[in-house]
């Protein structure tokens, strides 16, 4: 027998992606309609579904729950989407990209204000004096650097921000009695 909760679960409110998308497209005056791309919205739905599918929501009001879903997505979704793009770029770096280190330029010109100027961050081919310090990482340093960057996945932090919308208790509804320190102290004083 499946437990019955006093609030609906995520999968009851959003049984499919279309119902989730409809919240963003039509509810709440659509203030968050295009906050993230359609592909990212679908990815978000499936990630939330995988994590919170049968978890009961904390709100008795489904509309309030939906508003919070939209609000969190509005606040954090665009950053998550951009960080995913950056993460993908980092993951696709070539070995040559990883081995390339920093470059320091020192430009000095002894001529008047004619071209070429010295206020560039690029190497100049015709200038009186230019010192360039180029660095190259070892393979071990390069892959270690990449490993450190990839250690944290940007999606986990984003999906975790929705956790507060779901009940921590996933058992059938029972009256819960909480005993706190104040009650315990009062009982001790009476005895």
N, C-alpha and C. Protein backbone atom coordinates (compact mmCIF):
# COMPACT_ATOMS: atom_id res chain seq x y z
N UNK A 1 0.83 -1.18 0.00
CA UNK A 1 0.00 0.00 0.00
C UNK A 1 0.88 1.25 0.00
N UNK A 2 0.59 2.18 -0.90
CA UNK A 2 1.36 3.41 -1.00
C UNK A 2 0.94 4.38 0.10
N UNK A 3 1.90 5.08 0.69
CA UNK A 3 1.53 6.04 1.73
C UNK A 3 0.78 7.22 1.13
N UNK A 4 -0.12 7.78 1.89
CA UNK A 4 -0.86 8.95 1.46
C UNK A 4 -0.30 10.14 2.23
N UNK A 5 -0.04 11.21 1.53
CA UNK A 5 0.50 12.41 2.15
C UNK A 5 -0.59 13.46 2.23
N UNK A 6 -0.37 14.46 3.07
CA UNK A 6 -1.36 15.52 3.16
C UNK A 6 -1.11 16.62 2.13
N UNK A 7 -0.07 16.49 1.33
CA UNK A 7 0.16 17.38 0.18
C UNK A 7 0.47 16.53 -1.04
N UNK A 8 0.37 17.15 -2.19
CA UNK A 8 0.65 16.42 -3.43
C UNK A 8 2.16 16.24 -3.62
N UNK A 9 2.51 15.31 -4.48
CA UNK A 9 3.92 15.09 -4.82
C UNK A 9 4.25 15.84 -6.10
N UNK A 10 5.54 15.96 -6.37
CA UNK A 10 5.99 16.64 -7.58
C UNK A 10 5.38 15.99 -8.82
N UNK A 11 5.39 14.65 -8.88
CA UNK A 11 4.88 13.95 -10.07
C UNK A 11 3.37 14.06 -10.21
N UNK A 12 2.66 14.31 -9.13
CA UNK A 12 1.22 14.54 -9.24
C UNK A 12 0.92 15.93 -9.82
N UNK A 13 1.73 16.90 -9.45
CA UNK A 13 1.54 18.26 -9.95
C UNK A 13 2.05 18.37 -11.38
N UNK A 14 3.19 17.76 -11.64
CA UNK A 14 3.81 17.80 -12.96
C UNK A 14 4.03 16.38 -13.48
N UNK A 15 2.99 15.73 -14.01
CA UNK A 15 3.15 14.36 -14.49
C UNK A 15 3.98 14.26 -15.77
N UNK A 16 4.10 15.39 -16.49
CA UNK A 16 4.89 15.38 -17.73
C UNK A 16 5.50 16.76 -17.94
N UNK A 17 6.41 16.84 -18.89
CA UNK A 17 7.10 18.10 -19.15
C UNK A 17 6.14 19.19 -19.60
N UNK A 18 5.14 18.85 -20.37
CA UNK A 18 4.20 19.86 -20.87
C UNK A 18 3.50 20.61 -19.74
N UNK A 19 3.13 19.90 -18.69
CA UNK A 19 2.48 20.57 -17.55
C UNK A 19 3.47 21.50 -16.84
N UNK A 20 4.73 21.10 -16.78
CA UNK A 20 5.78 21.94 -16.18
C UNK A 20 6.00 23.18 -17.02
N UNK A 21 6.13 22.99 -18.32
CA UNK A 21 6.35 24.10 -19.26
C UNK A 21 5.16 25.06 -19.24
N UNK A 22 3.96 24.53 -19.10
CA UNK A 22 2.76 25.35 -19.07
C UNK A 22 2.78 26.35 -17.90
N UNK A 23 3.36 25.93 -16.78
CA UNK A 23 3.49 26.83 -15.63
C UNK A 23 4.32 28.05 -16.00
N UNK A 24 5.40 27.83 -16.74
CA UNK A 24 6.28 28.93 -17.14
C UNK A 24 5.69 29.77 -18.26
N UNK A 25 4.93 29.13 -19.14
CA UNK A 25 4.38 29.85 -20.29
C UNK A 25 3.11 30.64 -19.98
N UNK A 26 2.28 30.12 -19.09
CA UNK A 26 0.95 30.71 -18.92
C UNK A 26 0.61 31.21 -17.52
N UNK A 27 1.24 30.70 -16.50
CA UNK A 27 0.90 31.12 -15.14
C UNK A 27 1.71 32.35 -14.73
N UNK A 28 1.20 33.07 -13.76
CA UNK A 28 1.91 34.19 -13.15
C UNK A 28 2.29 35.27 -14.16
N UNK A 29 1.42 35.54 -15.09
CA UNK A 29 1.64 36.55 -16.13
C UNK A 29 2.91 36.30 -16.94
N UNK A 30 3.37 35.09 -16.95
CA UNK A 30 4.52 34.66 -17.76
C UNK A 30 5.77 35.50 -17.54
N UNK A 31 6.00 35.97 -16.30
CA UNK A 31 7.18 36.80 -16.07
C UNK A 31 8.47 36.02 -16.20
N UNK A 32 8.39 34.71 -16.21
CA UNK A 32 9.61 33.90 -16.34
C UNK A 32 9.56 33.01 -17.57
N UNK A 33 8.74 33.39 -18.55
CA UNK A 33 8.54 32.54 -19.72
C UNK A 33 9.84 32.18 -20.43
N UNK A 34 10.67 33.16 -20.70
CA UNK A 34 11.90 32.90 -21.45
C UNK A 34 13.15 33.10 -20.60
N UNK A 35 13.04 32.85 -19.31
CA UNK A 35 14.18 33.06 -18.43
C UNK A 35 15.33 32.10 -18.76
N UNK A 36 15.01 30.87 -19.15
CA UNK A 36 16.02 29.93 -19.65
C UNK A 36 15.49 29.33 -20.94
N UNK A 37 16.37 28.76 -21.71
CA UNK A 37 15.97 28.20 -23.00
C UNK A 37 15.04 27.00 -22.82
N UNK A 38 14.33 26.66 -23.88
CA UNK A 38 13.41 25.52 -23.83
C UNK A 38 14.14 24.22 -23.52
N UNK A 39 15.33 24.05 -24.08
CA UNK A 39 16.10 22.83 -23.81
C UNK A 39 16.51 22.76 -22.33
N UNK A 40 16.94 23.89 -21.78
CA UNK A 40 17.35 23.91 -20.38
C UNK A 40 16.14 23.69 -19.47
N UNK A 41 14.99 24.23 -19.86
CA UNK A 41 13.78 24.03 -19.07
C UNK A 41 13.39 22.55 -19.04
N UNK A 42 13.52 21.88 -20.18
CA UNK A 42 13.21 20.45 -20.22
C UNK A 42 14.22 19.66 -19.39
N UNK A 43 15.49 20.03 -19.48
CA UNK A 43 16.51 19.38 -18.66
C UNK A 43 16.21 19.58 -17.18
N UNK A 44 15.82 20.80 -16.82
CA UNK A 44 15.48 21.09 -15.44
C UNK A 44 14.31 20.22 -14.98
N UNK A 45 13.30 20.09 -15.80
CA UNK A 45 12.15 19.26 -15.42
C UNK A 45 12.59 17.83 -15.11
N UNK A 46 13.37 17.24 -15.99
CA UNK A 46 13.77 15.85 -15.79
C UNK A 46 14.72 15.69 -14.60
N UNK A 47 15.53 16.69 -14.35
CA UNK A 47 16.40 16.64 -13.16
C UNK A 47 15.56 16.73 -11.88
N UNK A 48 14.58 17.62 -11.87
CA UNK A 48 13.70 17.74 -10.71
C UNK A 48 12.86 16.48 -10.55
N UNK A 49 12.40 15.94 -11.66
CA UNK A 49 11.60 14.71 -11.63
C UNK A 49 12.43 13.56 -11.05
N UNK A 50 13.67 13.44 -11.49
CA UNK A 50 14.53 12.36 -11.00
C UNK A 50 14.82 12.52 -9.51
N UNK A 51 15.00 13.74 -9.06
CA UNK A 51 15.36 13.98 -7.66
C UNK A 51 14.15 13.98 -6.72
N UNK A 52 13.04 14.60 -7.15
CA UNK A 52 11.93 14.85 -6.23
C UNK A 52 10.60 14.22 -6.67
N UNK A 53 10.62 13.29 -7.56
CA UNK A 53 9.42 12.72 -8.18
C UNK A 53 8.29 12.43 -7.19
N UNK A 54 8.51 11.58 -6.24
CA UNK A 54 7.45 11.17 -5.31
C UNK A 54 7.56 11.84 -3.95
N UNK A 55 8.29 12.94 -3.89
CA UNK A 55 8.39 13.67 -2.62
C UNK A 55 7.20 14.62 -2.48
N UNK A 56 6.57 14.63 -1.33
CA UNK A 56 5.46 15.56 -1.13
C UNK A 56 5.97 16.99 -0.99
N UNK A 57 5.21 17.93 -1.50
CA UNK A 57 5.60 19.33 -1.43
C UNK A 57 5.31 19.86 -0.03
N UNK A 58 5.97 20.93 0.36
CA UNK A 58 5.76 21.49 1.70
C UNK A 58 4.54 22.40 1.75
N UNK A 59 4.09 22.90 0.62
CA UNK A 59 2.95 23.81 0.59
C UNK A 59 1.63 23.06 0.44
N UNK A 60 0.62 23.56 1.14
CA UNK A 60 -0.73 23.03 0.90
C UNK A 60 -1.29 23.63 -0.37
N UNK A 61 -0.83 24.80 -0.74
CA UNK A 61 -1.29 25.47 -1.95
C UNK A 61 -0.39 25.07 -3.13
N UNK A 62 -0.98 24.45 -4.13
CA UNK A 62 -0.22 24.06 -5.31
C UNK A 62 0.26 25.30 -6.07
N UNK A 63 -0.59 26.34 -6.11
CA UNK A 63 -0.19 27.57 -6.80
C UNK A 63 1.02 28.22 -6.14
N UNK A 64 1.07 28.17 -4.81
CA UNK A 64 2.22 28.71 -4.10
C UNK A 64 3.48 27.91 -4.42
N UNK A 65 3.34 26.60 -4.48
CA UNK A 65 4.46 25.73 -4.85
C UNK A 65 4.95 26.06 -6.26
N UNK A 66 4.02 26.21 -7.19
CA UNK A 66 4.39 26.54 -8.57
C UNK A 66 5.09 27.90 -8.63
N UNK A 67 4.59 28.86 -7.87
CA UNK A 67 5.21 30.18 -7.85
C UNK A 67 6.65 30.10 -7.34
N UNK A 68 6.88 29.25 -6.36
CA UNK A 68 8.23 29.09 -5.82
C UNK A 68 9.15 28.40 -6.83
N UNK A 69 8.62 27.42 -7.56
CA UNK A 69 9.41 26.75 -8.61
C UNK A 69 9.85 27.80 -9.64
N UNK A 70 8.90 28.63 -10.07
CA UNK A 70 9.19 29.65 -11.07
C UNK A 70 10.16 30.69 -10.50
N UNK A 71 9.97 31.08 -9.25
CA UNK A 71 10.83 32.09 -8.64
C UNK A 71 12.28 31.62 -8.53
N UNK A 72 12.48 30.39 -8.09
CA UNK A 72 13.84 29.87 -7.97
C UNK A 72 14.48 29.77 -9.36
N UNK A 73 13.70 29.33 -10.33
CA UNK A 73 14.23 29.24 -11.69
C UNK A 73 14.55 30.62 -12.24
N UNK A 74 13.71 31.59 -11.94
CA UNK A 74 13.94 32.96 -12.39
C UNK A 74 15.22 33.52 -11.76
N UNK A 75 15.43 33.24 -10.48
CA UNK A 75 16.60 33.76 -9.77
C UNK A 75 17.89 33.07 -10.17
N UNK A 76 17.86 31.75 -10.27
CA UNK A 76 19.10 30.99 -10.41
C UNK A 76 19.27 30.31 -11.76
N UNK A 77 18.20 30.21 -12.53
CA UNK A 77 18.25 29.50 -13.81
C UNK A 77 19.20 30.08 -14.83
N UNK A 78 19.17 31.40 -15.08
CA UNK A 78 20.09 31.96 -16.08
C UNK A 78 21.56 31.74 -15.74
N UNK A 79 21.90 31.88 -14.46
CA UNK A 79 23.30 31.64 -14.04
C UNK A 79 23.67 30.18 -14.23
N UNK A 80 22.75 29.29 -13.87
CA UNK A 80 22.99 27.85 -14.05
C UNK A 80 23.22 27.54 -15.52
N UNK A 81 22.39 28.10 -16.38
CA UNK A 81 22.50 27.85 -17.82
C UNK A 81 23.85 28.34 -18.35
N UNK A 82 24.29 29.53 -17.92
CA UNK A 82 25.57 30.07 -18.37
C UNK A 82 26.73 29.25 -17.81
N UNK A 83 26.61 28.85 -16.55
CA UNK A 83 27.67 28.03 -15.95
C UNK A 83 27.77 26.67 -16.63
N UNK A 84 26.63 26.12 -17.07
CA UNK A 84 26.65 24.87 -17.84
C UNK A 84 27.42 25.06 -19.14
N UNK A 85 27.18 26.18 -19.79
CA UNK A 85 27.87 26.48 -21.05
C UNK A 85 29.38 26.60 -20.82
N UNK A 86 29.77 27.28 -19.76
CA UNK A 86 31.19 27.42 -19.43
C UNK A 86 31.79 26.06 -19.07
N UNK A 87 31.04 25.28 -18.30
CA UNK A 87 31.51 23.94 -17.93
C UNK A 87 31.73 23.08 -19.17
N UNK A 88 30.81 23.18 -20.12
CA UNK A 88 30.95 22.43 -21.37
C UNK A 88 32.18 22.88 -22.14
N UNK A 89 32.43 24.19 -22.17
CA UNK A 89 33.62 24.72 -22.85
C UNK A 89 34.89 24.20 -22.19
N UNK A 90 34.90 24.20 -20.88
CA UNK A 90 36.08 23.71 -20.15
C UNK A 90 36.30 22.23 -20.42
N UNK A 91 35.22 21.47 -20.44
CA UNK A 91 35.34 20.04 -20.69
C UNK A 91 35.88 19.74 -22.08
N UNK A 92 35.64 20.64 -23.02
CA UNK A 92 36.06 20.39 -24.40
C UNK A 92 37.41 21.02 -24.74
N UNK A 93 38.14 21.52 -23.74
CA UNK A 93 39.46 22.08 -24.01
C UNK A 93 40.39 21.00 -24.55
N UNK A 94 41.21 21.37 -25.51
CA UNK A 94 42.20 20.43 -26.05
C UNK A 94 43.41 20.38 -25.12
N UNK A 95 44.27 19.40 -25.36
CA UNK A 95 45.48 19.30 -24.56
C UNK A 95 46.35 20.54 -24.75
N UNK A 96 46.43 21.05 -25.98
CA UNK A 96 47.20 22.27 -26.23
C UNK A 96 46.65 23.45 -25.43
N UNK A 97 45.32 23.56 -25.37
CA UNK A 97 44.72 24.63 -24.58
C UNK A 97 45.10 24.51 -23.11
N UNK A 98 45.09 23.29 -22.62
CA UNK A 98 45.41 23.07 -21.21
C UNK A 98 46.88 23.35 -20.90
N UNK A 99 47.75 23.06 -21.84
CA UNK A 99 49.18 23.25 -21.62
C UNK A 99 49.60 24.71 -21.71
N UNK A 100 48.81 25.53 -22.37
CA UNK A 100 49.15 26.94 -22.51
C UNK A 100 48.98 27.63 -21.17
N UNK A 101 50.02 28.31 -20.77
CA UNK A 101 49.98 29.02 -19.49
C UNK A 101 49.75 30.50 -19.70
N UNK A 102 50.09 31.26 -18.71
CA UNK A 102 49.90 32.70 -18.76
C UNK A 102 50.96 33.35 -19.64
N UNK A 103 50.68 34.57 -20.08
CA UNK A 103 51.62 35.34 -20.89
C UNK A 103 51.67 36.74 -20.32
N UNK A 104 52.87 37.26 -20.11
CA UNK A 104 53.05 38.60 -19.58
C UNK A 104 53.79 39.43 -20.62
N UNK A 105 53.28 40.62 -20.91
CA UNK A 105 53.89 41.49 -21.90
C UNK A 105 54.40 42.77 -21.23
N UNK A 106 55.58 43.19 -21.62
CA UNK A 106 56.13 44.48 -21.20
C UNK A 106 56.49 45.23 -22.46
N UNK A 107 55.72 46.26 -22.79
CA UNK A 107 55.96 47.04 -24.01
C UNK A 107 56.63 48.36 -23.65
N UNK A 108 57.58 48.76 -24.51
CA UNK A 108 58.28 50.02 -24.33
C UNK A 108 58.62 50.56 -25.71
N UNK A 109 58.22 51.79 -25.99
CA UNK A 109 58.51 52.37 -27.30
C UNK A 109 59.26 53.69 -27.09
N UNK A 110 60.28 53.89 -27.89
CA UNK A 110 61.08 55.11 -27.80
C UNK A 110 60.75 56.09 -28.92
N UNK A 111 59.63 55.95 -29.56
CA UNK A 111 59.23 56.86 -30.63
C UNK A 111 58.05 57.69 -30.16
N UNK A 112 57.67 58.66 -30.97
CA UNK A 112 56.53 59.48 -30.59
C UNK A 112 55.24 58.66 -30.68
N UNK A 113 54.09 59.26 -30.70
CA UNK A 113 52.82 58.56 -30.59
C UNK A 113 52.35 57.91 -31.89
N UNK A 114 53.27 57.58 -32.76
CA UNK A 114 52.88 56.87 -33.99
C UNK A 114 52.64 55.40 -33.69
N UNK A 115 51.95 54.76 -34.60
CA UNK A 115 51.72 53.31 -34.47
C UNK A 115 53.04 52.59 -34.63
N UNK A 116 53.24 51.48 -34.03
CA UNK A 116 52.32 50.79 -33.14
C UNK A 116 52.39 51.34 -31.72
N UNK A 117 51.24 51.35 -31.05
CA UNK A 117 51.18 51.78 -29.66
C UNK A 117 51.59 50.66 -28.73
N UNK A 118 51.76 51.02 -27.50
CA UNK A 118 52.19 50.00 -26.52
C UNK A 118 51.07 49.59 -25.57
N UNK A 119 49.87 50.09 -25.80
CA UNK A 119 48.77 49.80 -24.87
C UNK A 119 47.93 48.60 -25.31
N UNK A 120 48.56 47.59 -25.82
CA UNK A 120 47.85 46.39 -26.26
C UNK A 120 48.22 45.21 -25.38
N UNK A 121 47.35 44.25 -25.34
CA UNK A 121 47.65 43.03 -24.60
C UNK A 121 48.13 41.93 -25.54
N UNK A 122 48.24 42.25 -26.82
CA UNK A 122 48.73 41.30 -27.81
C UNK A 122 50.21 41.58 -28.10
N UNK A 123 50.89 40.57 -28.59
CA UNK A 123 52.29 40.76 -28.97
C UNK A 123 52.35 41.60 -30.23
N UNK A 124 53.29 42.55 -30.26
CA UNK A 124 53.43 43.43 -31.41
C UNK A 124 54.60 42.96 -32.27
N UNK A 125 54.43 43.02 -33.56
CA UNK A 125 55.51 42.56 -34.44
C UNK A 125 56.55 43.65 -34.71
N UNK A 126 56.18 44.93 -34.62
CA UNK A 126 57.13 46.01 -34.88
C UNK A 126 57.07 47.02 -33.75
N UNK A 127 58.01 46.94 -32.86
CA UNK A 127 58.11 47.88 -31.75
C UNK A 127 59.56 47.90 -31.32
N UNK A 128 59.97 48.99 -30.69
CA UNK A 128 61.37 49.11 -30.28
C UNK A 128 61.76 48.02 -29.29
N UNK A 129 61.03 47.90 -28.21
CA UNK A 129 61.38 46.93 -27.18
C UNK A 129 60.10 46.27 -26.69
N UNK A 130 60.13 44.96 -26.64
CA UNK A 130 59.00 44.23 -26.06
C UNK A 130 59.54 42.99 -25.39
N UNK A 131 59.21 42.84 -24.14
CA UNK A 131 59.58 41.62 -23.41
C UNK A 131 58.31 40.81 -23.22
N UNK A 132 58.38 39.56 -23.59
CA UNK A 132 57.23 38.67 -23.46
C UNK A 132 57.66 37.47 -22.62
N UNK A 133 56.92 37.21 -21.58
CA UNK A 133 57.16 36.03 -20.77
C UNK A 133 56.03 35.06 -21.04
N UNK A 134 56.33 33.93 -21.63
CA UNK A 134 55.33 32.91 -21.91
C UNK A 134 55.57 31.73 -20.98
N UNK A 135 54.49 31.21 -20.46
CA UNK A 135 54.60 30.07 -19.58
C UNK A 135 53.85 28.90 -20.18
N UNK A 136 54.33 27.71 -19.86
CA UNK A 136 53.69 26.50 -20.33
C UNK A 136 53.55 25.56 -19.15
N UNK A 137 52.38 24.99 -19.02
CA UNK A 137 52.14 24.04 -17.93
C UNK A 137 52.64 22.66 -18.33
N UNK A 138 53.02 21.89 -17.34
CA UNK A 138 53.32 20.48 -17.61
C UNK A 138 51.99 19.76 -17.77
N UNK A 139 51.99 18.58 -18.35
CA UNK A 139 50.75 17.82 -18.52
C UNK A 139 50.11 17.53 -17.17
N UNK A 140 50.94 17.19 -16.21
CA UNK A 140 50.42 16.89 -14.88
C UNK A 140 49.73 18.12 -14.28
N UNK A 141 50.36 19.28 -14.38
CA UNK A 141 49.75 20.51 -13.87
C UNK A 141 48.48 20.85 -14.62
N UNK A 142 48.51 20.69 -15.93
CA UNK A 142 47.35 21.02 -16.76
C UNK A 142 46.15 20.15 -16.42
N UNK A 143 46.37 18.85 -16.33
CA UNK A 143 45.25 17.95 -16.01
C UNK A 143 44.81 18.08 -14.56
N UNK A 144 45.73 18.38 -13.68
CA UNK A 144 45.38 18.62 -12.29
C UNK A 144 44.52 19.87 -12.17
N UNK A 145 44.87 20.90 -12.92
CA UNK A 145 44.10 22.15 -12.96
C UNK A 145 42.69 21.88 -13.50
N UNK A 146 42.61 21.12 -14.57
CA UNK A 146 41.30 20.78 -15.15
C UNK A 146 40.48 19.95 -14.18
N UNK A 147 41.11 19.00 -13.51
CA UNK A 147 40.41 18.16 -12.54
C UNK A 147 39.82 19.00 -11.41
N UNK A 148 40.57 19.98 -10.93
CA UNK A 148 40.08 20.86 -9.87
C UNK A 148 38.87 21.66 -10.33
N UNK A 149 38.89 22.13 -11.56
CA UNK A 149 37.77 22.91 -12.10
C UNK A 149 36.54 22.04 -12.26
N UNK A 150 36.73 20.82 -12.73
CA UNK A 150 35.59 19.94 -13.02
C UNK A 150 35.06 19.21 -11.78
N UNK A 151 35.75 19.36 -10.67
CA UNK A 151 35.35 18.65 -9.46
C UNK A 151 33.93 19.00 -9.03
N UNK A 152 33.54 20.24 -9.20
CA UNK A 152 32.19 20.65 -8.80
C UNK A 152 31.31 20.77 -10.02
N UNK A 153 30.22 20.06 -9.99
CA UNK A 153 29.26 20.15 -11.07
C UNK A 153 28.28 21.25 -10.74
N UNK A 154 28.02 22.14 -11.67
CA UNK A 154 27.17 23.29 -11.41
C UNK A 154 25.71 22.91 -11.22
N UNK A 155 25.30 21.77 -11.70
CA UNK A 155 23.89 21.38 -11.64
C UNK A 155 23.48 20.95 -10.24
N UNK A 156 24.35 20.28 -9.52
CA UNK A 156 24.00 19.79 -8.18
C UNK A 156 23.57 20.93 -7.27
N UNK A 157 24.33 22.00 -7.25
CA UNK A 157 24.02 23.15 -6.41
C UNK A 157 22.67 23.76 -6.80
N UNK A 158 22.41 23.85 -8.09
CA UNK A 158 21.16 24.42 -8.58
C UNK A 158 19.95 23.56 -8.20
N UNK A 159 20.04 22.26 -8.41
CA UNK A 159 18.92 21.37 -8.11
C UNK A 159 18.68 21.32 -6.60
N UNK A 160 19.73 21.40 -5.82
CA UNK A 160 19.60 21.40 -4.36
C UNK A 160 18.84 22.62 -3.86
N UNK A 161 18.84 23.71 -4.62
CA UNK A 161 18.13 24.92 -4.18
C UNK A 161 16.61 24.71 -4.17
N UNK A 162 16.12 23.66 -4.81
CA UNK A 162 14.69 23.35 -4.81
C UNK A 162 14.30 22.46 -3.63
N UNK A 163 15.25 21.95 -2.90
CA UNK A 163 14.98 20.99 -1.82
C UNK A 163 14.04 21.55 -0.76
N UNK A 164 14.13 22.84 -0.50
CA UNK A 164 13.29 23.43 0.54
C UNK A 164 11.81 23.42 0.18
N UNK A 165 11.48 23.10 -1.07
CA UNK A 165 10.09 23.05 -1.49
C UNK A 165 9.45 21.69 -1.21
N UNK A 166 10.25 20.75 -0.75
CA UNK A 166 9.74 19.39 -0.54
C UNK A 166 9.89 18.98 0.92
N UNK A 167 8.92 18.22 1.39
CA UNK A 167 8.90 17.79 2.77
C UNK A 167 10.09 16.89 3.08
N UNK A 168 10.63 17.08 4.25
CA UNK A 168 11.74 16.22 4.68
C UNK A 168 11.23 14.87 5.16
N UNK A 169 9.93 14.82 5.50
CA UNK A 169 9.33 13.59 5.99
C UNK A 169 8.61 12.90 4.84
N UNK A 170 9.00 11.71 4.53
CA UNK A 170 8.37 10.98 3.43
C UNK A 170 7.70 9.72 3.94
N UNK A 171 6.88 9.89 4.95
CA UNK A 171 6.10 8.78 5.47
C UNK A 171 4.65 9.22 5.49
N UNK A 172 3.73 8.30 5.69
CA UNK A 172 2.33 8.71 5.72
C UNK A 172 2.11 9.79 6.78
N UNK A 173 1.11 10.59 6.56
CA UNK A 173 0.88 11.71 7.48
C UNK A 173 0.49 11.19 8.85
N UNK A 174 1.25 11.58 9.81
CA UNK A 174 0.98 11.28 11.20
C UNK A 174 1.17 12.58 11.97
N UNK A 175 0.53 12.68 13.07
CA UNK A 175 0.77 13.84 13.90
C UNK A 175 2.15 13.70 14.50
N UNK A 176 2.96 14.70 14.30
CA UNK A 176 4.32 14.65 14.80
C UNK A 176 4.40 15.47 16.08
N UNK A 177 5.00 14.90 17.07
CA UNK A 177 5.16 15.60 18.33
C UNK A 177 6.65 15.90 18.48
N UNK A 178 6.93 17.17 18.62
CA UNK A 178 8.32 17.60 18.76
C UNK A 178 8.56 17.99 20.21
N UNK A 179 9.63 17.50 20.76
CA UNK A 179 10.00 17.86 22.11
C UNK A 179 11.20 18.77 22.00
N UNK A 180 11.08 19.96 22.57
CA UNK A 180 12.23 20.85 22.52
C UNK A 180 12.82 21.02 23.91
N UNK A 181 13.89 21.75 24.00
CA UNK A 181 14.60 21.91 25.27
C UNK A 181 13.74 22.59 26.32
N UNK A 182 12.93 23.53 25.93
CA UNK A 182 12.12 24.28 26.88
C UNK A 182 11.13 23.34 27.56
N UNK A 183 10.45 22.50 26.79
CA UNK A 183 9.48 21.56 27.36
C UNK A 183 10.19 20.59 28.29
N UNK A 184 11.33 20.09 27.91
CA UNK A 184 12.07 19.15 28.75
C UNK A 184 12.49 19.79 30.05
N UNK A 185 12.94 21.06 30.01
CA UNK A 185 13.35 21.75 31.23
C UNK A 185 12.16 21.97 32.15
N UNK A 186 11.00 22.32 31.59
CA UNK A 186 9.80 22.52 32.41
C UNK A 186 9.42 21.23 33.12
N UNK A 187 9.49 20.11 32.42
CA UNK A 187 9.15 18.82 33.01
C UNK A 187 10.11 18.45 34.11
N UNK A 188 11.40 18.75 33.93
CA UNK A 188 12.39 18.44 34.96
C UNK A 188 12.14 19.26 36.22
N UNK A 189 11.74 20.54 36.03
CA UNK A 189 11.49 21.40 37.19
C UNK A 189 10.28 20.89 37.98
N UNK A 190 9.25 20.34 37.27
CA UNK A 190 8.07 19.83 37.95
C UNK A 190 8.38 18.60 38.76
N UNK A 191 9.31 17.77 38.32
CA UNK A 191 9.64 16.53 39.02
C UNK A 191 10.55 16.81 40.15
